[in-house]
Protein backbone atom coordinates (compact mmCIF):
# COMPACT_ATOMS: atom_id res chain seq x y z
CA MET A 1 -37.21 -59.45 -9.13
CA THR A 2 -41.17 -57.51 -8.97
CA ILE A 3 -43.08 -55.13 -9.75
CA VAL A 4 -43.15 -54.80 -6.13
CA ASP A 5 -39.23 -54.49 -6.17
CA VAL A 6 -39.70 -51.94 -8.26
CA LEU A 7 -41.77 -49.76 -6.89
CA THR A 8 -40.25 -50.10 -3.37
CA GLU A 9 -36.07 -48.40 -5.29
CA PHE A 10 -38.95 -46.39 -6.53
CA ALA A 11 -39.45 -45.17 -3.08
CA GLU A 12 -36.29 -45.13 -1.77
CA SER A 13 -34.10 -43.68 -4.69
CA GLY A 14 -36.43 -41.35 -6.68
CA GLY A 15 -35.91 -43.39 -9.25
CA ILE A 16 -36.09 -46.56 -11.58
CA GLY A 17 -32.09 -47.25 -11.72
CA VAL A 18 -30.21 -44.68 -12.80
CA LEU A 19 -33.43 -43.05 -14.73
CA LYS A 20 -33.93 -40.05 -12.12
CA PRO A 21 -35.17 -36.49 -12.06
CA GLY A 22 -31.43 -35.10 -11.63
CA ALA A 23 -30.44 -37.06 -13.89
CA SER A 24 -27.80 -36.08 -17.05
CA LEU A 25 -29.60 -37.63 -20.22
CA ALA A 26 -25.84 -38.13 -21.64
CA GLU A 27 -24.76 -39.44 -18.65
CA VAL A 28 -28.36 -41.38 -19.15
CA SER A 29 -27.33 -42.22 -22.46
CA GLU A 30 -24.28 -44.04 -22.19
CA ARG A 31 -25.49 -46.54 -20.61
CA LEU A 32 -28.61 -47.14 -21.26
CA GLY A 33 -28.29 -46.13 -24.98
CA PRO A 34 -30.01 -43.42 -26.52
CA PRO A 35 -33.57 -43.33 -25.18
CA GLN A 36 -36.94 -43.87 -27.95
CA ASP A 37 -38.84 -40.39 -28.95
CA GLY A 38 -41.82 -40.64 -25.51
CA GLU A 39 -43.64 -37.10 -27.04
CA TYR A 40 -47.37 -37.85 -26.54
CA PHE A 41 -48.24 -36.08 -29.40
CA PRO A 42 -45.62 -36.70 -32.18
CA GLY A 43 -45.00 -33.25 -34.82
CA ARG A 44 -46.29 -30.86 -32.18
CA ARG A 45 -44.18 -28.14 -32.12
CA ARG A 46 -43.06 -27.83 -28.36
CA LYS A 47 -42.59 -24.30 -27.24
CA ARG A 48 -39.21 -22.78 -26.28
CA GLY A 49 -37.85 -24.16 -23.24
CA GLU A 50 -40.32 -26.46 -22.65
CA PRO A 51 -38.96 -30.72 -21.77
CA ARG A 52 -38.91 -32.41 -23.93
CA ASN A 53 -39.68 -36.84 -23.76
CA VAL A 54 -38.39 -39.31 -24.25
CA ARG A 55 -38.18 -42.88 -22.81
CA TYR A 56 -36.85 -46.19 -21.99
CA GLY A 57 -40.22 -49.31 -22.31
CA ASP A 58 -42.09 -47.75 -20.82
CA VAL A 59 -40.68 -45.68 -17.82
CA ARG A 60 -41.07 -42.09 -19.91
CA LEU A 61 -38.80 -38.42 -19.01
CA GLU A 62 -39.61 -35.02 -19.28
CA VAL A 63 -36.21 -34.08 -20.54
CA CYS A 64 -35.45 -29.77 -20.37
CA CYS A 65 -30.96 -28.66 -20.71
CA ASP A 66 -29.75 -31.93 -19.97
CA LYS A 67 -31.24 -33.27 -17.12
CA LEU A 68 -34.18 -35.00 -16.20
CA LEU A 69 -36.52 -33.28 -14.93
CA ALA A 70 -39.57 -36.39 -14.15
CA VAL A 71 -39.63 -40.05 -14.60
CA ALA A 72 -42.93 -41.83 -15.04
CA LEU A 73 -44.07 -45.44 -15.07
CA SER A 74 -47.31 -46.25 -16.35
CA THR A 75 -48.88 -48.84 -15.01
CA GLY A 76 -52.87 -49.39 -15.70
CA SER A 77 -52.17 -51.97 -19.32
CA GLY A 78 -50.81 -54.37 -17.30
CA SER A 79 -47.07 -55.27 -17.56
CA VAL A 80 -44.51 -52.71 -18.22
CA ASP A 81 -40.86 -52.72 -19.85
CA LEU A 82 -38.04 -51.26 -18.04
CA PRO A 83 -34.97 -50.81 -18.82
CA SER A 84 -32.44 -53.92 -17.80
CA GLY A 85 -29.61 -52.11 -17.61
CA VAL A 86 -28.12 -53.63 -20.05
CA SER A 87 -27.94 -51.24 -23.54
CA GLY A 88 -31.19 -51.44 -25.48
CA GLU A 89 -32.74 -54.31 -23.71
CA THR A 90 -36.01 -53.81 -21.80
CA GLU A 91 -37.24 -56.58 -19.60
CA GLU A 92 -41.29 -57.39 -18.78
CA LEU A 93 -43.32 -57.82 -15.79
CA PRO A 94 -46.09 -58.08 -14.55
CA SER A 95 -47.01 -54.77 -12.86
CA ALA A 96 -50.73 -55.20 -10.73
CA VAL A 97 -49.89 -54.68 -7.68
CA THR A 98 -52.08 -52.55 -5.14
CA ALA A 99 -52.05 -50.18 -1.84
CA ALA A 100 -52.44 -52.14 0.30
CA GLN A 101 -49.29 -54.98 -1.19
CA LEU A 102 -46.89 -50.94 -1.61
CA ARG A 103 -47.82 -49.64 1.74
CA GLU A 104 -46.30 -53.35 3.05
CA ALA A 105 -43.09 -53.62 1.62
CA PHE A 106 -43.09 -49.94 1.77
CA ALA A 107 -43.33 -50.09 6.45
CA THR A 108 -40.28 -53.73 5.53
CA ALA A 109 -37.87 -50.79 3.92
CA GLY A 110 -38.71 -49.27 6.62
CA ILE A 111 -40.55 -46.21 4.07
CA ARG A 112 -42.31 -43.10 5.05
CA ALA A 113 -45.47 -42.67 2.85
CA GLU A 114 -48.62 -40.87 2.91
CA GLU A 115 -52.18 -40.37 1.69
CA GLY A 116 -52.07 -37.59 -0.88
CA LEU A 117 -53.82 -34.78 1.14
CA TRP A 118 -55.33 -32.92 -2.05
CA PRO A 119 -58.92 -33.69 -3.08
CA GLU A 120 -59.44 -36.21 -5.45
CA PRO A 121 -61.68 -38.58 -7.39
CA ALA A 122 -63.76 -41.04 -5.33
CA ASP A 123 -62.03 -43.57 -7.12
CA GLN A 124 -57.97 -42.58 -6.63
CA LEU A 125 -55.85 -43.08 -4.39
CA THR A 126 -51.79 -40.87 -3.83
CA LEU A 127 -49.38 -41.75 -1.43
CA VAL A 128 -46.78 -40.15 -1.26
CA VAL A 129 -43.37 -40.88 -0.37
CA PRO A 130 -41.24 -37.48 0.51
CA ARG A 131 -37.55 -36.74 -1.68
CA SER A 132 -35.15 -34.63 -2.61
CA PRO A 133 -34.86 -33.99 -5.11
CA ALA A 134 -39.28 -34.59 -5.99
CA ASP A 135 -41.54 -36.33 -4.33
CA VAL A 136 -42.66 -39.51 -5.82
CA HIS A 137 -46.29 -39.63 -5.30
CA PHE A 138 -47.73 -43.76 -6.27
CA THR A 139 -51.68 -43.56 -7.71
CA PHE A 140 -54.01 -46.06 -6.96
CA ARG A 141 -57.39 -46.18 -9.38
CA ARG A 142 -59.99 -48.09 -7.19
CA THR A 143 -61.32 -50.92 -8.87
CA ASP A 144 -64.00 -52.53 -6.68
CA ALA A 145 -66.44 -49.18 -5.14
CA ASP A 146 -67.69 -52.38 -2.28
CA VAL A 147 -63.90 -53.66 -1.30
CA SER A 148 -62.93 -50.92 1.87
CA GLY A 149 -59.21 -50.67 2.53
CA ASP A 150 -56.48 -50.41 0.15
CA SER A 151 -56.88 -54.16 -0.76
CA GLY A 152 -59.37 -52.67 -3.75
CA THR A 153 -57.15 -50.18 -5.28
CA VAL A 154 -54.54 -51.21 -8.74
CA LEU A 155 -50.98 -49.09 -9.00
CA HIS A 156 -52.21 -46.50 -11.98
CA SER A 157 -48.74 -44.79 -11.98
CA ALA A 158 -45.84 -43.37 -10.10
CA ILE A 159 -43.93 -40.55 -10.95
CA ALA A 160 -40.97 -38.92 -9.48
CA ARG A 161 -40.55 -34.79 -10.79
CA GLY A 162 -38.25 -32.57 -10.11
CA HIS A 163 -37.75 -28.28 -10.39
CA HIS A 164 -35.92 -26.70 -13.17
CA VAL A 165 -35.63 -23.28 -14.18
CA CYS A 166 -33.97 -23.22 -17.47
CA GLY A 167 -30.68 -21.33 -16.97
């Protein structure tokens, strides 16, 4: 499996394996084992109703009321550790992929991706794949201003964020 395969699945299913917005953390934990702490600022007290952050390898999750709200993957380090499907185990993959490579994979799979329409920094490009319950956003950084089009971009992150109101 390659990073392009993983990202194409993310675009198709809205998640990475069983890690999808709306999934139950309890059910995910039964399949993958307990998650690791994923808080960005360990020791900081969360406000009531604020989601907590956990992770499986390099896949970060926002969780509230036992439901996954967001699934995020940062790819800027050159490699990623992804859950292998076996409890407690991850698999490392090289993570460098350009927008051109991902657009080609999406086209082959019949996935419609749109460019983000909101103002963005000049060195950034976002492809959005409409999904339910959460759109998947693939954000690229331009690495070479002299290269035109998508070949001068490298994927920085991918995220699907659902909507949730605590009851």
